Amino acid sequence: MIEPGEDVLILVSEANRAVGSDGKLAVHQLGLLHRAFSIFLFDEQGRVLLQRRDFGKYHSGGLWANTCCGHPRLGERTLAAAHRRLGEELGMQATLRFGFQARYRTSLDHDLTENELVYVYVGRAAGPITPNPAEVCETRFMPLPELIADTPSNPDAYAYWLRHYLARHADALLRLSVS
């Protein structure tokens, strides 16, 4: 049952065809495959903008993650959703371009399962960052090679999906960070 005001996520097949929808919490409780996006913003030195998720988030609270992530709503294009969420989480805008697609499934805290087909977007960080305190408790820029090296040594500091992207898509991210 979808709670009033709850985001409704787009369920997809392995071929990325929409096959239905359900409430965000139910999707994560049942581990259903759904569409998502992640954003990596880089500064002129190629450092990635990281956010530390607020400790009150329904999962992965207090962990460092990539710049922004989320889910498109029903009838919303994924790129439009990425722009919307960047404003909601960090109070900023950026020109985004498609980087690559990723797929992962993992168990999270609070008996939740993340099972996502993800559009990964990249762009340049410009302008002020105004984090929404309900979403983000801290931000920082970090050199991408340093981040890639640190995540295996300190996995408990980073969200699963960030570790996944760095372990399986590091070459693409390094290339995209300077282009």
C-alpha atoms as a PDB file:
ATOM      1  CA  MET A   1       0.000   0.000   0.000  1.00  0.00           C
ATOM      2  CA  ILE A   2       1.325   3.402  -0.978  1.00  0.00           C
ATOM      3  CA  GLU A   3       1.355   5.904   1.869  1.00  0.00           C
ATOM      4  CA  PRO A   4       0.023   9.433   1.216  1.00  0.00           C
ATOM      5  CA  GLY A   5       2.877  11.619  -0.037  1.00  0.00           C
ATOM      6  CA  GLU A   6       5.176   8.637  -0.598  1.00  0.00           C
ATOM      7  CA  ASP A   7       7.229   8.602  -3.783  1.00  0.00           C
ATOM      8  CA  VAL A   8       6.086   6.016  -6.315  1.00  0.00           C
ATOM      9  CA  LEU A   9       8.961   4.223  -8.050  1.00  0.00           C
ATOM     10  CA  ILE A  10       9.064   2.785 -11.552  1.00  0.00           C
ATOM     11  CA  LEU A  11       9.536  -0.992 -11.565  1.00  0.00           C
ATOM     12  CA  VAL A  12      11.516  -2.294 -14.535  1.00  0.00           C
ATOM     13  CA  SER A  13      12.521  -5.541 -16.181  1.00  0.00           C
ATOM     14  CA  GLU A  14      16.174  -6.494 -16.652  1.00  0.00           C
ATOM     15  CA  ALA A  15      15.783  -5.001 -20.153  1.00  0.00           C
ATOM     16  CA  ASN A  16      14.810  -1.663 -18.523  1.00  0.00           C
ATOM     17  CA  ARG A  17      11.181  -1.816 -19.626  1.00  0.00           C
ATOM     18  CA  ALA A  18       8.672  -0.317 -17.201  1.00  0.00           C
ATOM     19  CA  VAL A  19       6.572  -3.151 -15.765  1.00  0.00           C
ATOM     20  CA  GLY A  20       4.709  -1.412 -12.947  1.00  0.00           C
ATOM     21  CA  SER A  21       5.084   0.846  -9.955  1.00  0.00           C
ATOM     22  CA  ASP A  22       4.904   0.779  -6.174  1.00  0.00           C
ATOM     23  CA  GLY A  23       5.671   2.912  -3.126  1.00  0.00           C
ATOM     24  CA  LYS A  24       9.316   3.597  -2.318  1.00  0.00           C
ATOM     25  CA  LEU A  25       9.303   1.773   1.017  1.00  0.00           C
ATOM     26  CA  ALA A  26       7.574  -1.357  -0.330  1.00  0.00           C
ATOM     27  CA  VAL A  27       9.970  -1.482  -3.291  1.00  0.00           C
ATOM     28  CA  HIS A  28      12.952  -1.457  -0.928  1.00  0.00           C
ATOM     29  CA  GLN A  29      11.375  -3.895   1.530  1.00  0.00           C
ATOM     30  CA  LEU A  30      10.633  -6.389  -1.253  1.00  0.00           C
ATOM     31  CA  GLY A  31      13.851  -5.778  -3.204  1.00  0.00           C
ATOM     32  CA  LEU A  32      12.033  -5.067  -6.468  1.00  0.00           C
ATOM     33  CA  LEU A  33      14.055  -3.977  -9.493  1.00  0.00           C
ATOM     34  CA  HIS A  34      13.467  -0.270 -10.132  1.00  0.00           C
ATOM     35  CA  ARG A  35      14.831   2.657 -12.093  1.00  0.00           C
ATOM     36  CA  ALA A  36      17.210   5.090 -10.406  1.00  0.00           C
ATOM     37  CA  PHE A  37      19.884   7.669 -11.136  1.00  0.00           C
ATOM     38  CA  SER A  38      23.162   8.779  -9.600  1.00  0.00           C
ATOM     39  CA  ILE A  39      25.070  11.996 -10.177  1.00  0.00           C
ATOM     40  CA  PHE A  40      28.801  12.670  -9.989  1.00  0.00           C
ATOM     41  CA  LEU A  41      29.747  16.349 -10.119  1.00  0.00           C
ATOM     42  CA  PHE A  42      33.408  17.260 -10.515  1.00  0.00           C
ATOM     43  CA  ASP A  43      35.245  20.528 -10.021  1.00  0.00           C
ATOM     44  CA  GLU A  44      37.902  21.893 -12.395  1.00  0.00           C
ATOM     45  CA  GLN A  45      40.606  19.814 -10.648  1.00  0.00           C
ATOM     46  CA  GLY A  46      38.644  16.603 -11.233  1.00  0.00           C
ATOM     47  CA  ARG A  47      37.671  16.250  -7.585  1.00  0.00           C
ATOM     48  CA  VAL A  48      34.269  14.664  -6.989  1.00  0.00           C
ATOM     49  CA  LEU A  49      31.640  16.348  -4.831  1.00  0.00           C
ATOM     50  CA  LEU A  50      30.579  13.921  -2.099  1.00  0.00           C
ATOM     51  CA  GLN A  51      27.672  14.205   0.292  1.00  0.00           C
ATOM     52  CA  ARG A  52      27.329  12.632   3.694  1.00  0.00           C
ATOM     53  CA  ARG A  53      23.787  11.369   4.048  1.00  0.00           C
ATOM     54  CA  ASP A  54      21.895  12.739   7.012  1.00  0.00           C
ATOM     55  CA  PHE A  55      21.895  10.319   9.948  1.00  0.00           C
ATOM     56  CA  GLY A  56      18.071  10.290   9.926  1.00  0.00           C
ATOM     57  CA  LYS A  57      17.764   8.873   6.388  1.00  0.00           C
ATOM     58  CA  TYR A  58      15.728   5.667   6.154  1.00  0.00           C
ATOM     59  CA  HIS A  59      18.843   3.756   5.103  1.00  0.00           C
ATOM     60  CA  SER A  60      22.590   4.359   4.855  1.00  0.00           C
ATOM     61  CA  GLY A  61      22.416   7.340   7.219  1.00  0.00           C
ATOM     62  CA  GLY A  62      25.742   9.002   7.984  1.00  0.00           C
ATOM     63  CA  LEU A  63      27.521   7.359   5.053  1.00  0.00           C
ATOM     64  CA  TRP A  64      29.402   9.225   2.345  1.00  0.00           C
ATOM     65  CA  ALA A  65      27.858   8.934  -1.118  1.00  0.00           C
ATOM     66  CA  ASN A  66      28.336  10.419  -4.555  1.00  0.00           C
ATOM     67  CA  THR A  67      26.970  13.887  -5.246  1.00  0.00           C
ATOM     68  CA  CYS A  68      23.303  12.934  -5.472  1.00  0.00           C
ATOM     69  CA  CYS A  69      21.036  10.003  -6.223  1.00  0.00           C
ATOM     70  CA  GLY A  70      17.353   9.228  -6.405  1.00  0.00           C
ATOM     71  CA  HIS A  71      14.481   7.872  -8.430  1.00  0.00           C
ATOM     72  CA  PRO A  72      12.387   9.282 -11.264  1.00  0.00           C
ATOM     73  CA  ARG A  73       8.691   9.629 -10.507  1.00  0.00           C
ATOM     74  CA  LEU A  74       5.971   8.160 -12.673  1.00  0.00           C
ATOM     75  CA  GLY A  75       5.861  10.103 -15.942  1.00  0.00           C
ATOM     76  CA  GLU A  76       9.130  11.930 -15.164  1.00  0.00           C
ATOM     77  CA  ARG A  77      12.146  11.608 -17.451  1.00  0.00           C
ATOM     78  CA  THR A  78      15.203  10.339 -15.601  1.00  0.00           C
ATOM     79  CA  LEU A  79      17.343  13.362 -16.510  1.00  0.00           C
ATOM     80  CA  ALA A  80      14.605  15.725 -15.291  1.00  0.00           C
ATOM     81  CA  ALA A  81      14.451  13.751 -12.038  1.00  0.00           C
ATOM     82  CA  ALA A  82      18.215  14.074 -11.627  1.00  0.00           C
ATOM     83  CA  HIS A  83      17.983  17.860 -12.009  1.00  0.00           C
ATOM     84  CA  ARG A  84      15.057  18.002  -9.571  1.00  0.00           C
ATOM     85  CA  ARG A  85      16.829  15.937  -6.936  1.00  0.00           C
ATOM     86  CA  LEU A  86      20.083  17.897  -7.240  1.00  0.00           C
ATOM     87  CA  GLY A  87      18.103  21.008  -6.305  1.00  0.00           C
ATOM     88  CA  GLU A  88      16.231  19.242  -3.494  1.00  0.00           C
ATOM     89  CA  GLU A  89      19.321  17.697  -1.886  1.00  0.00           C
ATOM     90  CA  LEU A  90      22.044  20.258  -2.509  1.00  0.00           C
ATOM     91  CA  GLY A  91      20.238  23.430  -3.598  1.00  0.00           C
ATOM     92  CA  MET A  92      22.227  23.561  -6.816  1.00  0.00           C
ATOM     93  CA  GLN A  93      21.898  23.143 -10.552  1.00  0.00           C
ATOM     94  CA  ALA A  94      24.350  21.713 -13.061  1.00  0.00           C
ATOM     95  CA  THR A  95      24.486  20.713 -16.682  1.00  0.00           C
ATOM     96  CA  LEU A  96      24.355  16.920 -16.648  1.00  0.00           C
ATOM     97  CA  ARG A  97      25.276  14.410 -19.303  1.00  0.00           C
ATOM     98  CA  PHE A  98      24.820  10.661 -19.409  1.00  0.00           C
ATOM     99  CA  GLY A  99      27.907   8.760 -18.298  1.00  0.00           C
ATOM    100  CA  PHE A 100      26.953   5.079 -18.175  1.00  0.00           C
ATOM    101  CA  GLN A 101      24.362   2.635 -16.897  1.00  0.00           C
ATOM    102  CA  ALA A 102      24.881   0.435 -13.843  1.00  0.00           C
ATOM    103  CA  ARG A 103      23.016  -2.436 -12.224  1.00  0.00           C
ATOM    104  CA  TYR A 104      23.313  -3.696  -8.674  1.00  0.00           C
ATOM    105  CA  ARG A 105      21.465  -5.458  -5.887  1.00  0.00           C
ATOM    106  CA  THR A 106      22.455  -5.411  -2.216  1.00  0.00           C
ATOM    107  CA  SER A 107      21.026  -5.749   1.273  1.00  0.00           C
ATOM    108  CA  LEU A 108      20.953  -2.548   3.326  1.00  0.00           C
ATOM    109  CA  ASP A 109      20.326  -1.687   6.944  1.00  0.00           C
ATOM    110  CA  HIS A 110      16.762  -1.765   8.347  1.00  0.00           C
ATOM    111  CA  ASP A 111      16.009  -4.983   6.369  1.00  0.00           C
ATOM    112  CA  LEU A 112      15.881  -3.095   3.063  1.00  0.00           C
ATOM    113  CA  THR A 113      17.182  -4.230  -0.317  1.00  0.00           C
ATOM    114  CA  GLU A 114      18.454  -1.958  -3.036  1.00  0.00           C
ATOM    115  CA  ASN A 115      17.845  -3.465  -6.484  1.00  0.00           C
ATOM    116  CA  GLU A 116      18.440  -0.807  -9.107  1.00  0.00           C
ATOM    117  CA  LEU A 117      19.029  -0.175 -12.748  1.00  0.00           C
ATOM    118  CA  VAL A 118      20.843   3.167 -12.603  1.00  0.00           C
ATOM    119  CA  TYR A 119      21.465   5.988 -15.060  1.00  0.00           C
ATOM    120  CA  VAL A 120      24.724   7.628 -13.990  1.00  0.00           C
ATOM    121  CA  TYR A 121      25.090  11.295 -14.926  1.00  0.00           C
ATOM    122  CA  VAL A 122      28.141  13.518 -14.660  1.00  0.00           C
ATOM    123  CA  GLY A 123      28.695  17.252 -14.750  1.00  0.00           C
ATOM    124  CA  ARG A 124      30.674  20.200 -13.425  1.00  0.00           C
ATOM    125  CA  ALA A 125      30.071  21.536  -9.926  1.00  0.00           C
ATOM    126  CA  ALA A 126      29.630  25.291 -10.146  1.00  0.00           C
ATOM    127  CA  GLY A 127      28.007  27.805  -7.872  1.00  0.00           C
ATOM    128  CA  PRO A 128      27.058  27.576  -4.237  1.00  0.00           C
ATOM    129  CA  ILE A 129      26.115  24.340  -2.505  1.00  0.00           C
ATOM    130  CA  THR A 130      23.202  24.684  -0.085  1.00  0.00           C
ATOM    131  CA  PRO A 131      22.563  21.233   1.403  1.00  0.00           C
ATOM    132  CA  ASN A 132      19.090  20.359   2.622  1.00  0.00           C
ATOM    133  CA  PRO A 133      19.733  19.359   6.274  1.00  0.00           C
ATOM    134  CA  ALA A 134      17.021  16.674   6.107  1.00  0.00           C
ATOM    135  CA  GLU A 135      19.020  14.994   3.322  1.00  0.00           C
ATOM    136  CA  VAL A 136      22.686  15.928   3.710  1.00  0.00           C
ATOM    137  CA  CYS A 137      24.739  16.680   6.826  1.00  0.00           C
ATOM    138  CA  GLU A 138      28.070  17.428   5.143  1.00  0.00           C
ATOM    139  CA  THR A 139      29.706  17.863   1.731  1.00  0.00           C
ATOM    140  CA  ARG A 140      33.290  17.765   0.558  1.00  0.00           C
ATOM    141  CA  PHE A 141      35.362  17.524  -2.593  1.00  0.00           C
ATOM    142  CA  MET A 142      37.784  14.613  -2.871  1.00  0.00           C
ATOM    143  CA  PRO A 143      40.263  13.661  -5.588  1.00  0.00           C
ATOM    144  CA  LEU A 144      38.768  10.727  -7.443  1.00  0.00           C
ATOM    145  CA  PRO A 145      41.919   8.525  -7.325  1.00  0.00           C
ATOM    146  CA  GLU A 146      42.094   9.083  -3.544  1.00  0.00           C
ATOM    147  CA  LEU A 147      38.423   8.113  -3.195  1.00  0.00           C
ATOM    148  CA  ILE A 148      38.914   5.004  -5.336  1.00  0.00           C
ATOM    149  CA  ALA A 149      41.840   3.974  -3.103  1.00  0.00           C
ATOM    150  CA  ASP A 150      40.059   4.767   0.179  1.00  0.00           C
ATOM    151  CA  THR A 151      36.767   2.918  -0.289  1.00  0.00           C
ATOM    152  CA  PRO A 152      38.190  -0.643  -0.016  1.00  0.00           C
ATOM    153  CA  SER A 153      40.122   0.377   3.119  1.00  0.00           C
ATOM    154  CA  ASN A 154      37.141   2.079   4.787  1.00  0.00           C
ATOM    155  CA  PRO A 155      34.002   0.440   3.361  1.00  0.00           C
ATOM    156  CA  ASP A 156      31.884   1.270   6.410  1.00  0.00           C
ATOM    157  CA  ALA A 157      32.273   4.995   5.696  1.00  0.00           C
ATOM    158  CA  TYR A 158      30.734   4.807   2.215  1.00  0.00           C
ATOM    159  CA  ALA A 159      27.327   3.930   0.801  1.00  0.00           C
ATOM    160  CA  TYR A 160      27.211   0.603  -1.022  1.00  0.00           C
ATOM    161  CA  TRP A 161      26.308   2.142  -4.390  1.00  0.00           C
ATOM    162  CA  LEU A 162      29.313   4.498  -4.329  1.00  0.00           C
ATOM    163  CA  ARG A 163      31.622   1.560  -3.596  1.00  0.00           C
ATOM    164  CA  HIS A 164      29.947  -0.368  -6.433  1.00  0.00           C
ATOM    165  CA  TYR A 165      30.481   2.420  -8.982  1.00  0.00           C
ATOM    166  CA  LEU A 166      34.109   2.909  -7.928  1.00  0.00           C
ATOM    167  CA  ALA A 167      34.892  -0.824  -8.004  1.00  0.00           C
ATOM    168  CA  ARG A 168      33.194  -1.556 -11.335  1.00  0.00           C
ATOM    169  CA  HIS A 169      33.208   1.747 -13.231  1.00  0.00           C
ATOM    170  CA  ALA A 170      36.370   3.533 -12.040  1.00  0.00           C
ATOM    171  CA  ASP A 171      37.833   3.824 -15.545  1.00  0.00           C
ATOM    172  CA  ALA A 172      34.680   5.473 -16.873  1.00  0.00           C
ATOM    173  CA  LEU A 173      34.509   7.851 -13.906  1.00  0.00           C
ATOM    174  CA  LEU A 174      38.169   8.824 -14.237  1.00  0.00           C
ATOM    175  CA  ARG A 175      37.656   9.521 -17.952  1.00  0.00           C
ATOM    176  CA  LEU A 176      34.441  11.471 -17.333  1.00  0.00           C
ATOM    177  CA  SER A 177      35.946  13.514 -14.480  1.00  0.00           C
ATOM    178  CA  VAL A 178      38.243  15.381 -16.874  1.00  0.00           C
ATOM    179  CA  SER A 179      36.111  15.599 -20.003  1.00  0.00           C
END
